[in-house]
């Protein structure tokens, strides 16, 4: 008996009519206990898990030597007053929570340009 390849199966499926494909799916459910539609739905969900987090918290670790510029950026992104922004610049802390990957990278770049060290968590 010759071995049937995946390509042979695909070629056969392409030649089948819609009604025949539906009958094949029903037969697969009965004979194999497999619902092919459930597999097709589960695959993209598994792929989404591998992409990593979609939101980040931007956390200031060290203000660096240009503390005044960093304080201005902290105020810009947090809306905090001068004293609270200075406390974050001195002690570190979260600058912005639950931001998209692109926005987090943009914020991080601005802080690093000002000489600060920032982490995305």
PDB file of N, CA and C in Angstrom:
ATOM      1  N   UNK A   1       0.838  -1.178   0.000  1.00  0.00           N
ATOM      2  CA  UNK A   1       0.000   0.000   0.000  1.00  0.00           C
ATOM      3  C   UNK A   1       0.885   1.245   0.000  1.00  0.00           C
ATOM      4  N   UNK A   2       0.592   2.150  -0.914  1.00  0.00           N
ATOM      5  CA  UNK A   2       1.389   3.376  -1.041  1.00  0.00           C
ATOM      6  C   UNK A   2       1.025   4.338   0.091  1.00  0.00           C
ATOM      7  N   UNK A   3       2.026   5.069   0.545  1.00  0.00           N
ATOM      8  CA  UNK A   3       1.815   6.029   1.621  1.00  0.00           C
ATOM      9  C   UNK A   3       1.141   7.284   1.055  1.00  0.00           C
ATOM     10  N   UNK A   4       0.099   7.728   1.740  1.00  0.00           N
ATOM     11  CA  UNK A   4      -0.614   8.936   1.329  1.00  0.00           C
ATOM     12  C   UNK A   4       0.046  10.130   2.019  1.00  0.00           C
ATOM     13  N   UNK A   5       0.405  11.131   1.244  1.00  0.00           N
ATOM     14  CA  UNK A   5       1.060  12.317   1.801  1.00  0.00           C
ATOM     15  C   UNK A   5       0.033  13.388   2.157  1.00  0.00           C
ATOM     16  N   UNK A   6       0.476  14.362   2.898  1.00  0.00           N
ATOM     17  CA  UNK A   6      -0.384  15.487   3.252  1.00  0.00           C
ATOM     18  C   UNK A   6      -0.841  16.229   2.005  1.00  0.00           C
ATOM     19  N   UNK A   7       0.052  16.320   1.035  1.00  0.00           N
ATOM     20  CA  UNK A   7      -0.269  16.996  -0.213  1.00  0.00           C
ATOM     21  C   UNK A   7      -1.389  16.278  -0.959  1.00  0.00           C
ATOM     22  N   UNK A   8      -1.377  14.918  -0.911  1.00  0.00           N
ATOM     23  CA  UNK A   8      -2.434  14.132  -1.543  1.00  0.00           C
ATOM     24  C   UNK A   8      -3.780  14.412  -0.882  1.00  0.00           C
ATOM     25  N   UNK A   9      -3.772  14.501   0.432  1.00  0.00           N
ATOM     26  CA  UNK A   9      -5.010  14.770   1.172  1.00  0.00           C
ATOM     27  C   UNK A   9      -5.544  16.149   0.820  1.00  0.00           C
ATOM     28  N   UNK A  10      -4.667  17.125   0.794  1.00  0.00           N
ATOM     29  CA  UNK A  10      -5.081  18.495   0.455  1.00  0.00           C
ATOM     30  C   UNK A  10      -5.649  18.548  -0.954  1.00  0.00           C
ATOM     31  N   UNK A  11      -4.996  17.885  -1.894  1.00  0.00           N
ATOM     32  CA  UNK A  11      -5.480  17.870  -3.276  1.00  0.00           C
ATOM     33  C   UNK A  11      -6.866  17.236  -3.350  1.00  0.00           C
ATOM     34  N   UNK A  12      -7.081  16.185  -2.590  1.00  0.00           N
ATOM     35  CA  UNK A  12      -8.389  15.523  -2.567  1.00  0.00           C
ATOM     36  C   UNK A  12      -9.450  16.439  -1.965  1.00  0.00           C
ATOM     37  N   UNK A  13      -9.093  17.116  -0.877  1.00  0.00           N
ATOM     38  CA  UNK A  13     -10.044  18.034  -0.235  1.00  0.00           C
ATOM     39  C   UNK A  13     -10.427  19.183  -1.158  1.00  0.00           C
ATOM     40  N   UNK A  14      -9.482  19.668  -1.945  1.00  0.00           N
ATOM     41  CA  UNK A  14      -9.758  20.757  -2.884  1.00  0.00           C
ATOM     42  C   UNK A  14     -10.783  20.340  -3.938  1.00  0.00           C
ATOM     43  N   UNK A  15     -10.770  19.061  -4.292  1.00  0.00           N
ATOM     44  CA  UNK A  15     -11.686  18.567  -5.319  1.00  0.00           C
ATOM     45  C   UNK A  15     -13.078  18.248  -4.775  1.00  0.00           C
ATOM     46  N   UNK A  16     -13.240  18.213  -3.452  1.00  0.00           N
ATOM     47  CA  UNK A  16     -14.528  17.846  -2.859  1.00  0.00           C
ATOM     48  C   UNK A  16     -15.493  19.034  -2.862  1.00  0.00           C
ATOM     49  N   UNK A  17     -16.770  18.697  -2.940  1.00  0.00           N
ATOM     50  CA  UNK A  17     -17.816  19.701  -2.856  1.00  0.00           C
ATOM     51  C   UNK A  17     -18.076  20.020  -1.390  1.00  0.00           C
ATOM     52  N   UNK A  18     -18.744  21.124  -1.130  1.00  0.00           N
ATOM     53  CA  UNK A  18     -19.018  21.567   0.231  1.00  0.00           C
ATOM     54  C   UNK A  18     -19.788  20.518   1.025  1.00  0.00           C
ATOM     55  N   UNK A  19     -20.773  19.898   0.422  1.00  0.00           N
ATOM     56  CA  UNK A  19     -21.562  18.874   1.098  1.00  0.00           C
ATOM     57  C   UNK A  19     -20.691  17.671   1.473  1.00  0.00           C
ATOM     58  N   UNK A  20     -19.777  17.301   0.575  1.00  0.00           N
ATOM     59  CA  UNK A  20     -18.871  16.186   0.858  1.00  0.00           C
ATOM     60  C   UNK A  20     -17.918  16.526   2.002  1.00  0.00           C
ATOM     61  N   UNK A  21     -17.445  17.776   2.047  1.00  0.00           N
ATOM     62  CA  UNK A  21     -16.572  18.198   3.144  1.00  0.00           C
ATOM     63  C   UNK A  21     -17.311  18.162   4.480  1.00  0.00           C
ATOM     64  N   UNK A  22     -18.554  18.590   4.472  1.00  0.00           N
ATOM     65  CA  UNK A  22     -19.360  18.568   5.691  1.00  0.00           C
ATOM     66  C   UNK A  22     -19.541  17.126   6.179  1.00  0.00           C
ATOM     67  N   UNK A  23     -19.823  16.203   5.257  1.00  0.00           N
ATOM     68  CA  UNK A  23     -19.964  14.788   5.614  1.00  0.00           C
ATOM     69  C   UNK A  23     -18.651  14.242   6.185  1.00  0.00           C
ATOM     70  N   UNK A  24     -17.535  14.650   5.604  1.00  0.00           N
ATOM     71  CA  UNK A  24     -16.224  14.220   6.095  1.00  0.00           C
ATOM     72  C   UNK A  24     -15.994  14.703   7.532  1.00  0.00           C
ATOM     73  N   UNK A  25     -16.348  15.945   7.808  1.00  0.00           N
ATOM     74  CA  UNK A  25     -16.190  16.481   9.159  1.00  0.00           C
ATOM     75  C   UNK A  25     -17.050  15.716  10.164  1.00  0.00           C
ATOM     76  N   UNK A  26     -18.276  15.411   9.782  1.00  0.00           N
ATOM     77  CA  UNK A  26     -19.157  14.652  10.668  1.00  0.00           C
ATOM     78  C   UNK A  26     -18.593  13.258  10.928  1.00  0.00           C
ATOM     79  N   UNK A  27     -18.052  12.634   9.883  1.00  0.00           N
ATOM     80  CA  UNK A  27     -17.463  11.312  10.026  1.00  0.00           C
ATOM     81  C   UNK A  27     -16.240  11.358  10.955  1.00  0.00           C
ATOM     82  N   UNK A  28     -15.438  12.410  10.844  1.00  0.00           N
ATOM     83  CA  UNK A  28     -14.264  12.564  11.712  1.00  0.00           C
ATOM     84  C   UNK A  28     -14.701  12.694  13.170  1.00  0.00           C
ATOM     85  N   UNK A  29     -15.779  13.425  13.394  1.00  0.00           N
ATOM     86  CA  UNK A  29     -16.291  13.576  14.764  1.00  0.00           C
ATOM     87  C   UNK A  29     -16.707  12.227  15.327  1.00  0.00           C
ATOM     88  N   UNK A  30     -17.430  11.432  14.510  1.00  0.00           N
ATOM     89  CA  UNK A  30     -17.931  10.138  14.974  1.00  0.00           C
ATOM     90  C   UNK A  30     -16.811   9.113  15.141  1.00  0.00           C
ATOM     91  N   UNK A  31     -15.994   8.967  14.125  1.00  0.00           N
ATOM     92  CA  UNK A  31     -14.985   7.909  14.106  1.00  0.00           C
ATOM     93  C   UNK A  31     -13.778   8.207  14.987  1.00  0.00           C
ATOM     94  N   UNK A  32     -13.324   9.445  14.970  1.00  0.00           N
ATOM     95  CA  UNK A  32     -12.091   9.787  15.670  1.00  0.00           C
ATOM     96  C   UNK A  32     -12.328  10.527  16.984  1.00  0.00           C
ATOM     97  N   UNK A  33     -13.547  10.984  17.191  1.00  0.00           N
ATOM     98  CA  UNK A  33     -13.840  11.750  18.398  1.00  0.00           C
ATOM     99  C   UNK A  33     -13.175  13.111  18.389  1.00  0.00           C
ATOM    100  N   UNK A  34     -12.938  13.637  17.188  1.00  0.00           N
ATOM    101  CA  UNK A  34     -12.232  14.909  17.035  1.00  0.00           C
ATOM    102  C   UNK A  34     -13.144  15.889  16.321  1.00  0.00           C
ATOM    103  N   UNK A  35     -13.222  17.097  16.855  1.00  0.00           N
ATOM    104  CA  UNK A  35     -13.966  18.160  16.185  1.00  0.00           C
ATOM    105  C   UNK A  35     -12.942  19.084  15.532  1.00  0.00           C
ATOM    106  N   UNK A  36     -12.748  18.994  14.222  1.00  0.00           N
ATOM    107  CA  UNK A  36     -11.734  19.810  13.543  1.00  0.00           C
ATOM    108  C   UNK A  36     -11.941  21.304  13.726  1.00  0.00           C
ATOM    109  N   UNK A  37     -13.174  21.738  13.875  1.00  0.00           N
ATOM    110  CA  UNK A  37     -13.423  23.172  14.059  1.00  0.00           C
ATOM    111  C   UNK A  37     -12.877  23.643  15.400  1.00  0.00           C
ATOM    112  N   UNK A  38     -12.876  22.797  16.421  1.00  0.00           N
ATOM    113  CA  UNK A  38     -12.324  23.176  17.724  1.00  0.00           C
ATOM    114  C   UNK A  38     -10.814  23.339  17.644  1.00  0.00           C
ATOM    115  N   UNK A  39     -10.160  22.529  16.844  1.00  0.00           N
ATOM    116  CA  UNK A  39      -8.713  22.629  16.666  1.00  0.00           C
ATOM    117  C   UNK A  39      -8.370  23.934  15.956  1.00  0.00           C
ATOM    118  N   UNK A  40      -9.157  24.288  14.970  1.00  0.00           N
ATOM    119  CA  UNK A  40      -8.903  25.515  14.209  1.00  0.00           C
ATOM    120  C   UNK A  40      -9.073  26.745  15.086  1.00  0.00           C
ATOM    121  N   UNK A  41      -9.971  26.704  16.037  1.00  0.00           N
ATOM    122  CA  UNK A  41     -10.190  27.838  16.939  1.00  0.00           C
ATOM    123  C   UNK A  41      -9.108  27.879  18.017  1.00  0.00           C
ATOM    124  N   UNK A  42      -8.662  26.733  18.489  1.00  0.00           N
ATOM    125  CA  UNK A  42      -7.679  26.687  19.565  1.00  0.00           C
ATOM    126  C   UNK A  42      -6.297  27.113  19.105  1.00  0.00           C
ATOM    127  N   UNK A  43      -5.948  26.876  17.865  1.00  0.00           N
ATOM    128  CA  UNK A  43      -4.611  27.202  17.377  1.00  0.00           C
ATOM    129  C   UNK A  43      -4.303  28.693  17.456  1.00  0.00           C
ATOM    130  N   UNK A  44      -5.162  29.608  17.005  1.00  0.00           N
ATOM    131  CA  UNK A  44      -4.842  31.026  17.134  1.00  0.00           C
ATOM    132  C   UNK A  44      -4.758  31.477  18.589  1.00  0.00           C
ATOM    133  N   UNK A  45      -5.553  30.888  19.461  1.00  0.00           N
ATOM    134  CA  UNK A  45      -5.496  31.259  20.866  1.00  0.00           C
ATOM    135  C   UNK A  45      -4.143  30.890  21.461  1.00  0.00           C
ATOM    136  N   UNK A  46      -3.620  29.746  21.096  1.00  0.00           N
ATOM    137  CA  UNK A  46      -2.308  29.332  21.580  1.00  0.00           C
ATOM    138  C   UNK A  46      -1.221  30.247  21.037  1.00  0.00           C
ATOM    139  N   UNK A  47      -1.356  30.671  19.808  1.00  0.00           N
ATOM    140  CA  UNK A  47      -0.372  31.578  19.219  1.00  0.00           C
ATOM    141  C   UNK A  47      -0.381  32.927  19.922  1.00  0.00           C
ATOM    142  N   UNK A  48      -1.537  33.382  20.349  1.00  0.00           N
ATOM    143  CA  UNK A  48      -1.637  34.669  21.034  1.00  0.00           C
ATOM    144  C   UNK A  48      -0.889  34.644  22.365  1.00  0.00           C
ATOM    145  N   UNK A  49      -0.843  33.500  23.019  1.00  0.00           N
ATOM    146  CA  UNK A  49      -0.147  33.389  24.295  1.00  0.00           C
ATOM    147  C   UNK A  49       1.349  33.573  24.114  1.00  0.00           C
ATOM    148  N   UNK A  50       1.882  33.117  22.994  1.00  0.00           N
ATOM    149  CA  UNK A  50       3.315  33.187  22.748  1.00  0.00           C
ATOM    150  C   UNK A  50       3.809  34.598  22.451  1.00  0.00           C
ATOM    151  N   UNK A  51       2.918  35.521  22.160  1.00  0.00           N
ATOM    152  CA  UNK A  51       3.327  36.864  21.781  1.00  0.00           C
ATOM    153  C   UNK A  51       3.872  37.679  22.945  1.00  0.00           C
ATOM    154  N   UNK A  52       3.594  37.284  24.165  1.00  0.00           N
ATOM    155  CA  UNK A  52       4.056  38.033  25.318  1.00  0.00           C
ATOM    156  C   UNK A  52       3.033  39.058  25.757  1.00  0.00           C
ATOM    157  N   UNK A  53       3.389  39.837  26.775  1.00  0.00           N
ATOM    158  CA  UNK A  53       2.414  40.789  27.301  1.00  0.00           C
ATOM    159  C   UNK A  53       2.084  41.884  26.300  1.00  0.00           C
ATOM    160  N   UNK A  54       0.854  42.359  26.364  1.00  0.00           N
ATOM    161  CA  UNK A  54       0.441  43.410  25.440  1.00  0.00           C
ATOM    162  C   UNK A  54       0.444  44.777  26.117  1.00  0.00           C
ATOM    163  N   UNK A  55       0.512  44.793  27.443  1.00  0.00           N
ATOM    164  CA  UNK A  55       0.605  46.063  28.165  1.00  0.00           C
ATOM    165  C   UNK A  55       1.754  46.005  29.162  1.00  0.00           C
ATOM    166  N   UNK A  56       2.263  47.182  29.485  1.00  0.00           N
ATOM    167  CA  UNK A  56       3.403  47.283  30.386  1.00  0.00           C
ATOM    168  C   UNK A  56       3.190  48.405  31.390  1.00  0.00           C
ATOM    169  N   UNK A  57       3.909  48.302  32.491  1.00  0.00           N
ATOM    170  CA  UNK A  57       4.052  49.404  33.422  1.00  0.00           C
ATOM    171  C   UNK A  57       5.430  49.996  33.185  1.00  0.00           C
ATOM    172  N   UNK A  58       5.501  51.315  33.060  1.00  0.00           N
ATOM    173  CA  UNK A  58       6.779  51.998  32.864  1.00  0.00           C
ATOM    174  C   UNK A  58       7.254  52.454  34.234  1.00  0.00           C
ATOM    175  N   UNK A  59       8.407  51.945  34.651  1.00  0.00           N
ATOM    176  CA  UNK A  59       8.911  52.222  35.996  1.00  0.00           C
ATOM    177  C   UNK A  59      10.269  52.912  35.921  1.00  0.00           C
ATOM    178  N   UNK A  60      10.365  54.046  36.594  1.00  0.00           N
ATOM    179  CA  UNK A  60      11.618  54.789  36.672  1.00  0.00           C
ATOM    180  C   UNK A  60      12.504  54.134  37.719  1.00  0.00           C
ATOM    181  N   UNK A  61      13.720  53.781  37.316  1.00  0.00           N
ATOM    182  CA  UNK A  61      14.656  53.126  38.227  1.00  0.00           C
ATOM    183  C   UNK A  61      15.662  54.141  38.767  1.00  0.00           C
ATOM    184  N   UNK A  62      16.180  55.005  37.870  1.00  0.00           N
ATOM    185  CA  UNK A  62      17.188  55.983  38.268  1.00  0.00           C
ATOM    186  C   UNK A  62      17.027  57.221  37.388  1.00  0.00           C
ATOM    187  N   UNK A  63      16.992  58.383  38.023  1.00  0.00           N
ATOM    188  CA  UNK A  63      16.798  59.634  37.280  1.00  0.00           C
ATOM    189  C   UNK A  63      18.047  60.073  36.537  1.00  0.00           C
ATOM    190  N   UNK A  64      19.192  59.594  36.926  1.00  0.00           N
ATOM    191  CA  UNK A  64      20.438  59.983  36.265  1.00  0.00           C
ATOM    192  C   UNK A  64      20.881  61.368  36.696  1.00  0.00           C
ATOM    193  N   UNK A  65      21.721  62.003  35.898  1.00  0.00           N
ATOM    194  CA  UNK A  65      22.309  63.286  36.283  1.00  0.00           C
ATOM    195  C   UNK A  65      21.418  64.476  35.958  1.00  0.00           C
ATOM    196  N   UNK A  66      20.513  64.334  35.004  1.00  0.00           N
ATOM    197  CA  UNK A  66      19.628  65.433  34.607  1.00  0.00           C
ATOM    198  C   UNK A  66      18.265  65.264  35.264  1.00  0.00           C
ATOM    199  N   UNK A  67      18.242  65.444  36.584  1.00  0.00           N
ATOM    200  CA  UNK A  67      17.030  65.185  37.346  1.00  0.00           C
ATOM    201  C   UNK A  67      15.897  66.135  36.980  1.00  0.00           C
ATOM    202  N   UNK A  68      16.211  67.387  36.658  1.00  0.00           N
ATOM    203  CA  UNK A  68      15.171  68.364  36.339  1.00  0.00           C
ATOM    204  C   UNK A  68      14.374  67.942  35.096  1.00  0.00           C
ATOM    205  N   UNK A  69      15.066  67.485  34.065  1.00  0.00           N
ATOM    206  CA  UNK A  69      14.390  67.012  32.854  1.00  0.00           C
ATOM    207  C   UNK A  69      13.525  65.794  33.124  1.00  0.00           C
ATOM    208  N   UNK A  70      14.004  64.918  33.996  1.00  0.00           N
ATOM    209  CA  UNK A  70      13.256  63.709  34.349  1.00  0.00           C
ATOM    210  C   UNK A  70      12.003  64.085  35.135  1.00  0.00           C
ATOM    211  N   UNK A  71      12.132  65.026  36.062  1.00  0.00           N
ATOM    212  CA  UNK A  71      10.969  65.482  36.835  1.00  0.00           C
ATOM    213  C   UNK A  71       9.899  66.043  35.896  1.00  0.00           C
ATOM    214  N   UNK A  72      10.324  66.808  34.896  1.00  0.00           N
ATOM    215  CA  UNK A  72       9.376  67.348  33.915  1.00  0.00           C
ATOM    216  C   UNK A  72       8.658  66.227  33.168  1.00  0.00           C
ATOM    217  N   UNK A  73       9.402  65.202  32.770  1.00  0.00           N
ATOM    218  CA  UNK A  73       8.782  64.078  32.081  1.00  0.00           C
ATOM    219  C   UNK A  73       7.821  63.316  32.990  1.00  0.00           C
ATOM    220  N   UNK A  74       8.201  63.122  34.244  1.00  0.00           N
ATOM    221  CA  UNK A  74       7.320  62.441  35.193  1.00  0.00           C
ATOM    222  C   UNK A  74       6.013  63.218  35.324  1.00  0.00           C
ATOM    223  N   UNK A  75       6.115  64.540  35.449  1.00  0.00           N
ATOM    224  CA  UNK A  75       4.911  65.372  35.558  1.00  0.00           C
ATOM    225  C   UNK A  75       4.068  65.274  34.291  1.00  0.00           C
ATOM    226  N   UNK A  76       4.730  65.249  33.146  1.00  0.00           N
ATOM    227  CA  UNK A  76       4.014  65.169  31.867  1.00  0.00           C
ATOM    228  C   UNK A  76       3.208  63.885  31.757  1.00  0.00           C
ATOM    229  N   UNK A  77       3.801  62.759  32.160  1.00  0.00           N
ATOM    230  CA  UNK A  77       3.136  61.469  31.985  1.00  0.00           C
ATOM    231  C   UNK A  77       2.214  61.085  33.132  1.00  0.00           C
ATOM    232  N   UNK A  78       2.430  61.663  34.319  1.00  0.00           N
ATOM    233  CA  UNK A  78       1.604  61.271  35.456  1.00  0.00           C
ATOM    234  C   UNK A  78       0.553  62.314  35.819  1.00  0.00           C
ATOM    235  N   UNK A  79       0.829  63.566  35.510  1.00  0.00           N
ATOM    236  CA  UNK A  79      -0.080  64.633  35.920  1.00  0.00           C
ATOM    237  C   UNK A  79       0.097  64.995  37.392  1.00  0.00           C
ATOM    238  N   UNK A  80       1.161  64.509  38.007  1.00  0.00           N
ATOM    239  CA  UNK A  80       1.418  64.781  39.422  1.00  0.00           C
ATOM    240  C   UNK A  80       1.975  66.183  39.603  1.00  0.00           C
ATOM    241  N   UNK A  81       1.918  66.641  40.845  1.00  0.00           N
ATOM    242  CA  UNK A  81       2.502  67.922  41.192  1.00  0.00           C
ATOM    243  C   UNK A  81       4.018  67.822  41.273  1.00  0.00           C
ATOM    244  N   UNK A  82       4.666  68.954  41.497  1.00  0.00           N
ATOM    245  CA  UNK A  82       6.127  69.024  41.517  1.00  0.00           C
ATOM    246  C   UNK A  82       6.724  68.144  42.614  1.00  0.00           C
ATOM    247  N   UNK A  83       6.176  68.202  43.825  1.00  0.00           N
ATOM    248  CA  UNK A  83       6.712  67.427  44.942  1.00  0.00           C
ATOM    249  C   UNK A  83       6.607  65.921  44.688  1.00  0.00           C
ATOM    250  N   UNK A  84       5.437  65.479  44.220  1.00  0.00           N
ATOM    251  CA  UNK A  84       5.236  64.048  43.960  1.00  0.00           C
ATOM    252  C   UNK A  84       6.134  63.561  42.825  1.00  0.00           C
ATOM    253  N   UNK A  85       6.273  64.381  41.779  1.00  0.00           N
ATOM    254  CA  UNK A  85       7.143  64.021  40.659  1.00  0.00           C
ATOM    255  C   UNK A  85       8.597  63.952  41.109  1.00  0.00           C
ATOM    256  N   UNK A  86       9.005  64.873  41.987  1.00  0.00           N
ATOM    257  CA  UNK A  86      10.374  64.862  42.518  1.00  0.00           C
ATOM    258  C   UNK A  86      10.606  63.604  43.354  1.00  0.00           C
ATOM    259  N   UNK A  87       9.604  63.185  44.122  1.00  0.00           N
ATOM    260  CA  UNK A  87       9.727  61.957  44.919  1.00  0.00           C
ATOM    261  C   UNK A  87       9.949  60.738  44.027  1.00  0.00           C
ATOM    262  N   UNK A  88       9.230  60.667  42.910  1.00  0.00           N
ATOM    263  CA  UNK A  88       9.420  59.542  41.981  1.00  0.00           C
ATOM    264  C   UNK A  88      10.806  59.613  41.349  1.00  0.00           C
ATOM    265  N   UNK A  89      11.252  60.823  40.994  1.00  0.00           N
ATOM    266  CA  UNK A  89      12.582  60.977  40.402  1.00  0.00           C
ATOM    267  C   UNK A  89      13.666  60.593  41.410  1.00  0.00           C
ATOM    268  N   UNK A  90      13.474  60.922  42.678  1.00  0.00           N
ATOM    269  CA  UNK A  90      14.466  60.606  43.707  1.00  0.00           C
ATOM    270  C   UNK A  90      14.469  59.126  44.084  1.00  0.00           C
ATOM    271  N   UNK A  91      13.274  58.543  44.217  1.00  0.00           N
ATOM    272  CA  UNK A  91      13.155  57.194  44.768  1.00  0.00           C
ATOM    273  C   UNK A  91      12.765  56.127  43.746  1.00  0.00           C
ATOM    274  N   UNK A  92      12.422  56.548  42.558  1.00  0.00           N
ATOM    275  CA  UNK A  92      11.945  55.601  41.553  1.00  0.00           C
ATOM    276  C   UNK A  92      10.468  55.302  41.775  1.00  0.00           C
ATOM    277  N   UNK A  93       9.864  54.683  40.796  1.00  0.00           N
ATOM    278  CA  UNK A  93       8.454  54.322  40.907  1.00  0.00           C
ATOM    279  C   UNK A  93       7.795  54.246  39.553  1.00  0.00           C
ATOM    280  N   UNK A  94       6.529  53.873  39.573  1.00  0.00           N
ATOM    281  CA  UNK A  94       5.773  53.706  38.341  1.00  0.00           C
ATOM    282  C   UNK A  94       5.412  55.070  37.769  1.00  0.00           C
ATOM    283  N   UNK A  95       5.737  55.254  36.505  1.00  0.00           N
ATOM    284  CA  UNK A  95       5.427  56.495  35.804  1.00  0.00           C
ATOM    285  C   UNK A  95       4.079  56.372  35.101  1.00  0.00           C
ATOM    286  N   UNK A  96       3.839  55.215  34.475  1.00  0.00           N
ATOM    287  CA  UNK A  96       2.582  55.002  33.771  1.00  0.00           C
ATOM    288  C   UNK A  96       2.263  53.510  33.795  1.00  0.00           C
ATOM    289  N   UNK A  97       0.989  53.178  34.015  1.00  0.00           N
ATOM    290  CA  UNK A  97       0.576  51.784  34.118  1.00  0.00           C
ATOM    291  C   UNK A  97      -0.260  51.363  32.920  1.00  0.00           C
ATOM    292  N   UNK A  98      -0.173  50.084  32.595  1.00  0.00           N
ATOM    293  CA  UNK A  98      -0.995  49.444  31.566  1.00  0.00           C
ATOM    294  C   UNK A  98      -1.013  50.207  30.238  1.00  0.00           C
ATOM    295  N   UNK A  99       0.167  50.467  29.708  1.00  0.00           N
ATOM    296  CA  UNK A  99       0.267  51.133  28.414  1.00  0.00           C
ATOM    297  C   UNK A  99       0.657  50.103  27.358  1.00  0.00           C
ATOM    298  N   UNK A 100       0.312  50.388  26.119  1.00  0.00           N
ATOM    299  CA  UNK A 100       0.615  49.475  25.021  1.00  0.00           C
ATOM    300  C   UNK A 100       2.132  49.365  24.837  1.00  0.00           C
ATOM    301  N   UNK A 101       2.534  48.362  24.103  1.00  0.00           N
ATOM    302  CA  UNK A 101       3.949  48.125  23.847  1.00  0.00           C
ATOM    303  C   UNK A 101       4.594  49.326  23.164  1.00  0.00           C
ATOM    304  N   UNK A 102       3.902  49.863  22.153  1.00  0.00           N
ATOM    305  CA  UNK A 102       4.456  51.000  21.414  1.00  0.00           C
ATOM    306  C   UNK A 102       4.585  52.238  22.297  1.00  0.00           C
ATOM    307  N   UNK A 103       3.544  52.523  23.077  1.00  0.00           N
ATOM    308  CA  UNK A 103       3.575  53.698  23.950  1.00  0.00           C
ATOM    309  C   UNK A 103       4.645  53.536  25.025  1.00  0.00           C
ATOM    310  N   UNK A 104       4.771  52.337  25.585  1.00  0.00           N
ATOM    311  CA  UNK A 104       5.789  52.087  26.603  1.00  0.00           C
ATOM    312  C   UNK A 104       7.190  52.301  26.037  1.00  0.00           C
ATOM    313  N   UNK A 105       7.425  51.838  24.824  1.00  0.00           N
ATOM    314  CA  UNK A 105       8.733  52.018  24.194  1.00  0.00           C
ATOM    315  C   UNK A 105       9.008  53.498  23.939  1.00  0.00           C
ATOM    316  N   UNK A 106       7.979  54.242  23.549  1.00  0.00           N
ATOM    317  CA  UNK A 106       8.124  55.682  23.302  1.00  0.00           C
ATOM    318  C   UNK A 106       8.472  56.424  24.602  1.00  0.00           C
ATOM    319  N   UNK A 107       7.758  56.095  25.679  1.00  0.00           N
ATOM    320  CA  UNK A 107       8.018  56.732  26.974  1.00  0.00           C
ATOM    321  C   UNK A 107       9.429  56.390  27.443  1.00  0.00           C
ATOM    322  N   UNK A 108       9.800  55.120  27.321  1.00  0.00           N
ATOM    323  CA  UNK A 108      11.138  54.685  27.744  1.00  0.00           C
ATOM    324  C   UNK A 108      12.219  55.446  26.976  1.00  0.00           C
ATOM    325  N   UNK A 109      12.019  55.620  25.685  1.00  0.00           N
ATOM    326  CA  UNK A 109      13.001  56.337  24.859  1.00  0.00           C
ATOM    327  C   UNK A 109      13.154  57.783  25.318  1.00  0.00           C
ATOM    328  N   UNK A 110      12.051  58.438  25.652  1.00  0.00           N
ATOM    329  CA  UNK A 110      12.120  59.832  26.108  1.00  0.00           C
ATOM    330  C   UNK A 110      12.873  59.950  27.428  1.00  0.00           C
ATOM    331  N   UNK A 111      12.609  59.036  28.348  1.00  0.00           N
ATOM    332  CA  UNK A 111      13.306  59.070  29.634  1.00  0.00           C
ATOM    333  C   UNK A 111      14.791  58.773  29.458  1.00  0.00           C
ATOM    334  N   UNK A 112      15.108  57.812  28.610  1.00  0.00           N
ATOM    335  CA  UNK A 112      16.516  57.485  28.383  1.00  0.00           C
ATOM    336  C   UNK A 112      17.240  58.629  27.690  1.00  0.00           C
ATOM    337  N   UNK A 113      16.534  59.346  26.831  1.00  0.00           N
ATOM    338  CA  UNK A 113      17.110  60.523  26.180  1.00  0.00           C
ATOM    339  C   UNK A 113      17.443  61.600  27.215  1.00  0.00           C
ATOM    340  N   UNK A 114      16.645  61.643  28.286  1.00  0.00           N
ATOM    341  CA  UNK A 114      16.888  62.615  29.358  1.00  0.00           C
ATOM    342  C   UNK A 114      17.934  62.110  30.353  1.00  0.00           C
ATOM    343  N   UNK A 115      18.439  60.874  30.142  1.00  0.00           N
ATOM    344  CA  UNK A 115      19.488  60.345  30.997  1.00  0.00           C
ATOM    345  C   UNK A 115      19.006  59.439  32.103  1.00  0.00           C
ATOM    346  N   UNK A 116      17.728  59.095  32.108  1.00  0.00           N
ATOM    347  CA  UNK A 116      17.168  58.237  33.161  1.00  0.00           C
ATOM    348  C   UNK A 116      17.226  56.773  32.759  1.00  0.00           C
ATOM    349  N   UNK A 117      17.117  55.913  33.773  1.00  0.00           N
ATOM    350  CA  UNK A 117      17.041  54.471  33.540  1.00  0.00           C
ATOM    351  C   UNK A 117      15.621  54.042  33.834  1.00  0.00           C
ATOM    352  N   UNK A 118      14.980  53.377  32.841  1.00  0.00           N
ATOM    353  CA  UNK A 118      13.575  52.978  32.957  1.00  0.00           C
ATOM    354  C   UNK A 118      13.454  51.496  32.637  1.00  0.00           C
ATOM    355  N   UNK A 119      12.537  50.824  33.332  1.00  0.00           N
ATOM    356  CA  UNK A 119      12.246  49.412  33.063  1.00  0.00           C
ATOM    357  C   UNK A 119      10.791  49.256  32.679  1.00  0.00           C
ATOM    358  N   UNK A 120      10.521  48.309  31.784  1.00  0.00           N
ATOM    359  CA  UNK A 120       9.147  47.974  31.401  1.00  0.00           C
ATOM    360  C   UNK A 120       8.817  46.658  32.077  1.00  0.00           C
ATOM    361  N   UNK A 121       7.769  46.668  32.863  1.00  0.00           N
ATOM    362  CA  UNK A 121       7.370  45.454  33.592  1.00  0.00           C
ATOM    363  C   UNK A 121       5.949  45.079  33.269  1.00  0.00           C
TER     364      UNK A 121
END
